[in-house]
Amino acid sequence: MAFNKRNDNDGGGGGGGDKKKFGFHTAHRFPNRRGKDWEGPVVDYKEVDLLRKFMTTSAKMMTRKRAGTSAQEQRALKEAIKQARFMALLPYTST
């Protein structure tokens, strides 16, 4: 097939055939907040300084890839940011 652009790992020219593909490079951003006995949120809505680190200058949430969070951590951040906005600890938009 002349139009197949997939690399076959046959070792032939074109290079890059032996590279491994990984998903997101996200290690857990909050590893010390988890324990095998601890159950609860990864982040809390009252930690405003921490939540601001995961927001852009226009008060939007950062993407998982940019923030370096896992899916579980991103969901916890989303809920915490929403609660903090509702409690007027964080702005909905920047001014």
Protein backbone atom coordinates (compact mmCIF):
# COMPACT_ATOMS: atom_id res chain seq x y z
CA MET A 1 0.00 0.00 0.00
CA ALA A 2 1.57 3.19 -1.13
CA PHE A 3 -0.70 5.42 0.91
CA ASN A 4 -0.19 3.71 4.26
CA LYS A 5 1.79 6.14 6.42
CA ARG A 6 2.05 3.83 9.41
CA ASN A 7 5.55 2.74 10.43
CA ASP A 8 6.06 -0.98 10.27
CA ASN A 9 8.66 -2.13 12.77
CA ASP A 10 10.65 -3.99 10.16
CA GLY A 11 13.83 -2.03 10.84
CA GLY A 12 13.83 -0.57 7.34
CA GLY A 13 14.59 3.05 6.52
CA GLY A 14 12.49 5.94 7.62
CA GLY A 15 13.68 5.76 11.20
CA GLY A 16 11.56 5.92 14.27
CA GLY A 17 10.08 2.47 13.86
CA ASP A 18 11.46 1.26 17.17
CA LYS A 19 10.25 4.19 19.27
CA LYS A 20 7.73 3.37 21.93
CA LYS A 21 4.57 5.38 22.12
CA PHE A 22 3.41 6.47 25.52
CA GLY A 23 0.25 8.20 26.59
CA PHE A 24 0.33 11.42 28.52
CA HIS A 25 3.50 11.99 30.50
CA THR A 26 1.39 12.62 33.58
CA ALA A 27 2.74 11.23 36.74
CA HIS A 28 0.54 12.05 39.66
CA ARG A 29 0.85 15.73 40.54
CA PHE A 30 -0.36 15.12 44.09
CA PRO A 31 1.39 11.89 45.12
CA ASN A 32 1.69 12.79 48.81
CA ARG A 33 -2.04 13.42 49.10
CA ARG A 34 -2.91 9.80 48.60
CA GLY A 35 -2.42 6.97 50.95
CA LYS A 36 -3.76 3.48 50.94
CA ASP A 37 -5.96 4.24 53.96
CA TRP A 38 -6.94 7.81 53.07
CA GLU A 39 -10.17 8.43 51.22
CA GLY A 40 -11.14 11.91 50.24
CA PRO A 41 -10.56 14.63 47.69
CA VAL A 42 -7.14 15.14 46.17
CA VAL A 43 -7.60 18.91 46.43
CA ASP A 44 -9.95 21.06 48.45
CA TYR A 45 -11.79 24.16 47.30
CA LYS A 46 -10.28 26.15 50.17
CA GLU A 47 -6.74 25.79 48.79
CA VAL A 48 -7.02 28.85 46.57
CA ASP A 49 -3.28 29.26 45.95
CA LEU A 50 -3.01 25.70 44.70
CA LEU A 51 -6.08 26.06 42.48
CA ARG A 52 -4.69 29.24 40.92
CA LYS A 53 -1.65 27.28 39.72
CA PHE A 54 -3.93 25.20 37.54
CA MET A 55 -5.73 28.16 35.99
CA THR A 56 -4.67 30.37 33.09
CA THR A 57 -4.44 34.16 33.29
CA SER A 58 -7.94 34.37 31.83
CA ALA A 59 -9.26 32.27 34.76
CA LYS A 60 -9.78 29.13 32.66
CA MET A 61 -8.76 25.68 33.80
CA MET A 62 -5.58 24.30 32.27
CA THR A 63 -5.81 21.19 30.14
CA ARG A 64 -4.58 17.87 31.48
CA LYS A 65 -1.62 17.87 29.14
CA ARG A 66 -0.52 21.36 30.13
CA ALA A 67 -1.14 20.91 33.86
CA GLY A 68 0.36 17.43 33.97
CA THR A 69 -2.48 15.85 35.91
CA SER A 70 -4.09 12.45 35.64
CA ALA A 71 -7.77 12.07 34.80
CA GLN A 72 -8.73 11.51 38.44
CA GLU A 73 -6.76 14.57 39.55
CA GLN A 74 -8.27 16.69 36.77
CA ARG A 75 -11.79 15.74 37.86
CA ALA A 76 -10.96 16.64 41.46
CA LEU A 77 -9.50 19.98 40.33
CA LYS A 78 -12.58 20.69 38.23
CA GLU A 79 -14.92 20.15 41.18
CA ALA A 80 -12.71 22.16 43.54
CA ILE A 81 -12.48 25.10 41.12
CA LYS A 82 -16.24 25.07 40.60
CA GLN A 83 -16.85 25.08 44.35
CA ALA A 84 -14.30 27.85 44.90
CA ARG A 85 -15.95 29.96 42.20
CA PHE A 86 -19.36 29.42 43.77
CA MET A 87 -18.00 30.48 47.18
CA ALA A 88 -16.43 33.58 45.51
CA LEU A 89 -12.90 32.47 46.32
CA LEU A 90 -11.95 32.37 42.63
CA PRO A 91 -13.21 34.53 39.78
CA TYR A 92 -15.30 33.19 36.91
CA THR A 93 -13.49 35.51 34.49
CA SER A 94 -10.42 37.70 34.70
CA THR A 95 -10.74 41.46 34.77
